[in-house]
């Protein structure tokens, strides 16, 4: 059986390899590794400002992952930047917001990771806390803490019990976007997972970084949902 194709959004950063130093499309290897371990085929989705590029990309995919990265520009949710908020990544914000919109419209399963969860919330009209402490292990070092699922949610069905997760963020969900529900919390009350309710396909965001841990259950839930959609599409079910 052909593996479900999972597109992963990317960083755009200066990079150096061999004798070269130039702008590059980057993705930590842990992302495609997790997709492969969960039964999917990973492809990279670098920003593309061509009209309808996001819809064309999503139409060719079975599932979408919005990866972690830079802070979302506060103007996207109607606020001015806190001094501790990082510089904007406007091209990436625009591209990933378009991917999220296309995935939701076309009922393509979606998983947002860290920044990806925050951007999902912003895409649906929510806001963010621009700074909080205690959710990293120090500069460039992942921390860890427990998250507790909300019973009856999609996240709870995928994971089932409280789990210790790898975490690295200083921003978090404040006001939830339209149609979203919180499906896991940290002990300090930080929203750690969100999901879109009353929606046919899986749309889930988590605040931590499953790609740097050993637990594949979240990505497996995405890949399984992508496989079901792929089978339904091939069986002739209508695609939005």
Protein backbone atom coordinates (compact mmCIF):
# COMPACT_ATOMS: atom_id res chain seq x y z
CA UNK A 1 0.00 0.00 0.00
CA UNK A 2 1.27 3.50 -0.87
CA UNK A 3 2.09 5.55 2.19
CA UNK A 4 0.04 8.71 2.89
CA UNK A 5 1.92 11.81 1.74
CA UNK A 6 2.42 14.30 4.58
CA UNK A 7 3.59 17.82 3.76
CA UNK A 8 5.64 19.67 6.39
CA UNK A 9 6.14 23.43 6.36
CA UNK A 10 9.73 24.67 6.57
CA UNK A 11 12.07 27.32 7.89
CA UNK A 12 13.70 29.85 5.53
CA UNK A 13 17.10 30.68 7.06
CA UNK A 14 20.70 31.42 6.09
CA UNK A 15 22.70 28.20 6.25
CA UNK A 16 26.21 26.91 5.66
CA UNK A 17 27.32 23.57 4.22
CA UNK A 18 30.57 22.58 2.52
CA UNK A 19 31.93 25.69 0.81
CA UNK A 20 28.47 27.30 0.56
CA UNK A 21 26.70 29.91 2.66
CA UNK A 22 23.35 31.09 1.34
CA UNK A 23 19.59 31.24 2.11
CA UNK A 24 18.14 27.76 2.53
CA UNK A 25 14.88 25.93 3.05
CA UNK A 26 15.40 24.06 6.32
CA UNK A 27 13.62 21.40 8.32
CA UNK A 28 15.02 19.53 11.33
CA UNK A 29 15.47 15.88 10.34
CA UNK A 30 13.38 14.84 13.34
CA UNK A 31 10.18 15.90 11.55
CA UNK A 32 10.41 13.58 8.51
CA UNK A 33 11.85 10.89 10.78
CA UNK A 34 8.70 11.01 12.93
CA UNK A 35 6.46 10.94 9.84
CA UNK A 36 8.30 7.85 8.54
CA UNK A 37 8.10 6.12 11.93
CA UNK A 38 4.35 6.74 11.88
CA UNK A 39 3.86 5.21 8.41
CA UNK A 40 3.83 8.34 6.26
CA UNK A 41 5.90 9.73 3.39
CA UNK A 42 7.26 13.21 4.21
CA UNK A 43 7.63 16.08 1.74
CA UNK A 44 8.79 19.65 2.43
CA UNK A 45 6.57 22.69 1.85
CA UNK A 46 8.73 25.83 1.48
CA UNK A 47 6.95 29.21 1.31
CA UNK A 48 5.45 30.03 -2.08
CA UNK A 49 3.77 33.39 -2.72
CA UNK A 50 2.24 32.32 -6.04
CA UNK A 51 -1.53 32.78 -6.11
CA UNK A 52 -3.34 29.60 -5.00
CA UNK A 53 -0.03 27.81 -4.28
CA UNK A 54 -1.21 26.63 -0.86
CA UNK A 55 -4.44 25.19 -2.25
CA UNK A 56 -2.53 23.44 -5.06
CA UNK A 57 -0.05 21.99 -2.57
CA UNK A 58 -2.71 20.79 -0.15
CA UNK A 59 -4.71 19.24 -3.00
CA UNK A 60 -1.72 16.97 -3.71
CA UNK A 61 -1.32 15.88 -0.07
CA UNK A 62 -2.99 13.47 2.33
CA UNK A 63 -2.00 15.39 5.46
CA UNK A 64 -0.26 18.60 6.56
CA UNK A 65 2.11 19.42 9.44
CA UNK A 66 2.80 23.02 10.40
CA UNK A 67 6.22 22.91 12.02
CA UNK A 68 7.64 24.88 14.95
CA UNK A 69 9.72 28.01 14.58
CA UNK A 70 9.63 31.78 14.97
CA UNK A 71 7.05 33.77 16.91
CA UNK A 72 3.87 34.64 15.01
CA UNK A 73 3.77 38.37 14.21
CA UNK A 74 1.45 40.00 16.80
CA UNK A 75 -0.17 42.16 14.10
CA UNK A 76 -1.77 38.93 12.88
CA UNK A 77 -3.90 38.88 16.04
CA UNK A 78 -4.30 42.62 16.54
CA UNK A 79 -1.61 43.31 19.13
CA UNK A 80 1.63 45.28 19.32
CA UNK A 81 4.86 43.34 19.90
CA UNK A 82 6.04 42.66 23.43
CA UNK A 83 9.76 43.52 23.80
CA UNK A 84 10.43 39.78 24.28
CA UNK A 85 8.65 38.76 21.06
CA UNK A 86 11.02 37.71 18.29
CA UNK A 87 11.35 39.34 14.86
CA UNK A 88 8.55 38.60 12.38
CA UNK A 89 8.73 35.88 9.73
CA UNK A 90 6.11 37.43 7.48
CA UNK A 91 6.55 35.23 4.41
CA UNK A 92 6.31 32.11 6.54
CA UNK A 93 3.29 33.44 8.46
CA UNK A 94 1.44 34.16 5.22
CA UNK A 95 2.31 30.78 3.68
CA UNK A 96 1.41 28.70 6.70
CA UNK A 97 -1.85 30.58 7.30
CA UNK A 98 -2.77 29.81 3.68
CA UNK A 99 -1.86 26.13 4.18
CA UNK A 100 -4.04 25.97 7.31
CA UNK A 101 -6.97 27.58 5.52
CA UNK A 102 -6.62 25.23 2.54
CA UNK A 103 -6.32 22.12 4.73
CA UNK A 104 -9.43 23.03 6.72
CA UNK A 105 -11.42 23.91 3.58
CA UNK A 106 -10.44 20.67 1.83
CA UNK A 107 -10.85 18.46 4.92
CA UNK A 108 -7.17 17.44 4.82
CA UNK A 109 -5.90 16.26 8.25
CA UNK A 110 -3.70 18.87 9.93
CA UNK A 111 -1.27 18.82 12.86
CA UNK A 112 0.24 22.05 14.19
CA UNK A 113 3.40 21.75 16.31
CA UNK A 114 4.37 24.56 18.74
CA UNK A 115 4.33 27.62 16.43
CA UNK A 116 2.00 25.56 14.24
CA UNK A 117 -0.53 25.27 17.07
CA UNK A 118 -0.28 29.00 17.78
CA UNK A 119 -0.77 29.83 14.11
CA UNK A 120 -3.81 27.52 13.92
CA UNK A 121 -5.33 29.46 16.81
CA UNK A 122 -4.55 32.81 15.13
CA UNK A 123 -5.92 31.57 11.78
CA UNK A 124 -9.29 31.02 13.45
CA UNK A 125 -9.38 34.40 15.19
CA UNK A 126 -7.65 33.57 18.47
CA UNK A 127 -4.88 35.41 20.30
CA UNK A 128 -1.60 34.53 22.02
CA UNK A 129 0.18 35.22 25.29
CA UNK A 130 3.38 36.82 24.02
CA UNK A 131 5.60 35.65 26.87
CA UNK A 132 5.62 33.11 29.67
CA UNK A 133 8.43 31.51 31.63
CA UNK A 134 9.20 27.92 32.53
CA UNK A 135 8.50 26.11 29.26
CA UNK A 136 12.09 25.60 28.04
CA UNK A 137 15.19 23.97 29.45
CA UNK A 138 17.26 27.10 28.75
CA UNK A 139 18.42 28.72 25.52
CA UNK A 140 18.63 26.04 22.85
CA UNK A 141 17.71 23.27 25.30
CA UNK A 142 14.39 21.43 25.38
CA UNK A 143 12.65 21.23 28.73
CA UNK A 144 9.95 18.78 29.73
CA UNK A 145 6.75 18.79 31.72
CA UNK A 146 3.53 16.82 32.02
CA UNK A 147 0.41 17.53 29.99
CA UNK A 148 -3.02 16.22 30.92
CA UNK A 149 -5.65 15.44 28.27
CA UNK A 150 -9.24 16.65 28.46
CA UNK A 151 -11.52 13.58 28.47
CA UNK A 152 -13.62 13.08 25.36
CA UNK A 153 -11.32 14.99 23.00
CA UNK A 154 -9.53 13.75 19.91
CA UNK A 155 -6.22 14.27 21.67
CA UNK A 156 -7.36 12.15 24.62
CA UNK A 157 -8.41 9.39 22.22
CA UNK A 158 -4.94 9.47 20.59
CA UNK A 159 -2.85 9.54 23.77
CA UNK A 160 -5.16 8.59 26.62
CA UNK A 161 -3.23 9.54 29.74
CA UNK A 162 -1.04 12.32 31.15
CA UNK A 163 2.37 12.33 29.46
CA UNK A 164 5.70 14.05 29.95
CA UNK A 165 6.55 15.92 26.75
CA UNK A 166 9.56 17.79 25.29
CA UNK A 167 8.86 21.52 25.28
CA UNK A 168 10.49 24.71 24.03
CA UNK A 169 8.32 27.80 23.79
CA UNK A 170 7.74 31.18 25.42
CA UNK A 171 4.35 31.93 23.89
CA UNK A 172 1.01 30.15 24.22
CA UNK A 173 -2.69 30.29 23.39
CA UNK A 174 -4.66 33.05 25.10
CA UNK A 175 -8.17 33.43 23.64
CA UNK A 176 -9.23 30.38 21.64
CA UNK A 177 -10.13 30.81 17.99
CA UNK A 178 -13.57 30.10 16.57
CA UNK A 179 -14.55 26.43 16.74
CA UNK A 180 -11.46 25.39 18.71
CA UNK A 181 -11.45 23.64 22.06
CA UNK A 182 -8.60 23.08 24.49
CA UNK A 183 -7.79 19.37 24.70
CA UNK A 184 -4.78 19.29 27.06
CA UNK A 185 -3.26 21.49 29.76
CA UNK A 186 0.02 21.87 31.64
CA UNK A 187 -0.06 21.99 35.43
CA UNK A 188 0.25 25.81 35.36
CA UNK A 189 -2.91 26.07 33.24
CA UNK A 190 -1.18 26.67 29.91
CA UNK A 191 -3.22 25.31 26.99
CA UNK A 192 -1.07 22.50 25.57
CA UNK A 193 -3.34 21.11 22.83
CA UNK A 194 -6.23 22.45 20.78
CA UNK A 195 -8.52 20.88 18.22
CA UNK A 196 -11.23 21.93 15.82
CA UNK A 197 -14.60 20.57 16.87
CA UNK A 198 -17.51 19.68 14.58
CA UNK A 199 -15.12 19.13 11.69
CA UNK A 200 -14.95 16.05 9.49
CA UNK A 201 -11.16 15.70 9.40
CA UNK A 202 -8.56 15.79 12.18
CA UNK A 203 -7.38 19.33 12.96
CA UNK A 204 -5.12 19.28 16.02
CA UNK A 205 -2.38 21.46 17.49
CA UNK A 206 0.07 20.70 20.30
CA UNK A 207 2.31 23.18 22.09
CA UNK A 208 5.25 20.81 22.55
CA UNK A 209 7.64 19.07 20.15
CA UNK A 210 6.70 15.41 19.56
CA UNK A 211 9.37 15.19 16.84
CA UNK A 212 12.17 15.25 19.44
CA UNK A 213 10.60 12.58 21.68
CA UNK A 214 9.94 8.87 21.36
CA UNK A 215 6.13 8.95 21.41
CA UNK A 216 4.72 8.52 17.89
CA UNK A 217 1.03 8.42 18.85
CA UNK A 218 0.19 11.97 17.75
CA UNK A 219 1.82 11.65 14.34
CA UNK A 220 0.32 8.19 13.95
CA UNK A 221 -3.12 9.73 14.54
CA UNK A 222 -2.43 12.22 11.74
CA UNK A 223 -1.07 9.59 9.34
CA UNK A 224 -3.98 7.25 10.06
CA UNK A 225 -6.47 10.07 9.38
CA UNK A 226 -4.59 10.88 6.18
CA UNK A 227 -4.75 7.22 5.11
CA UNK A 228 -8.50 7.11 5.71
CA UNK A 229 -9.02 10.25 3.66
CA UNK A 230 -6.82 8.87 0.88
CA UNK A 231 -8.84 5.64 0.77
CA UNK A 232 -12.14 7.52 0.75
CA UNK A 233 -10.95 9.79 -2.06
CA UNK A 234 -9.83 6.84 -4.15
CA UNK A 235 -13.19 5.18 -3.52
CA UNK A 236 -14.87 8.17 -5.13
CA UNK A 237 -15.95 10.20 -2.10
CA UNK A 238 -16.32 13.90 -2.99
CA UNK A 239 -13.36 16.17 -2.18
CA UNK A 240 -14.06 19.85 -1.33
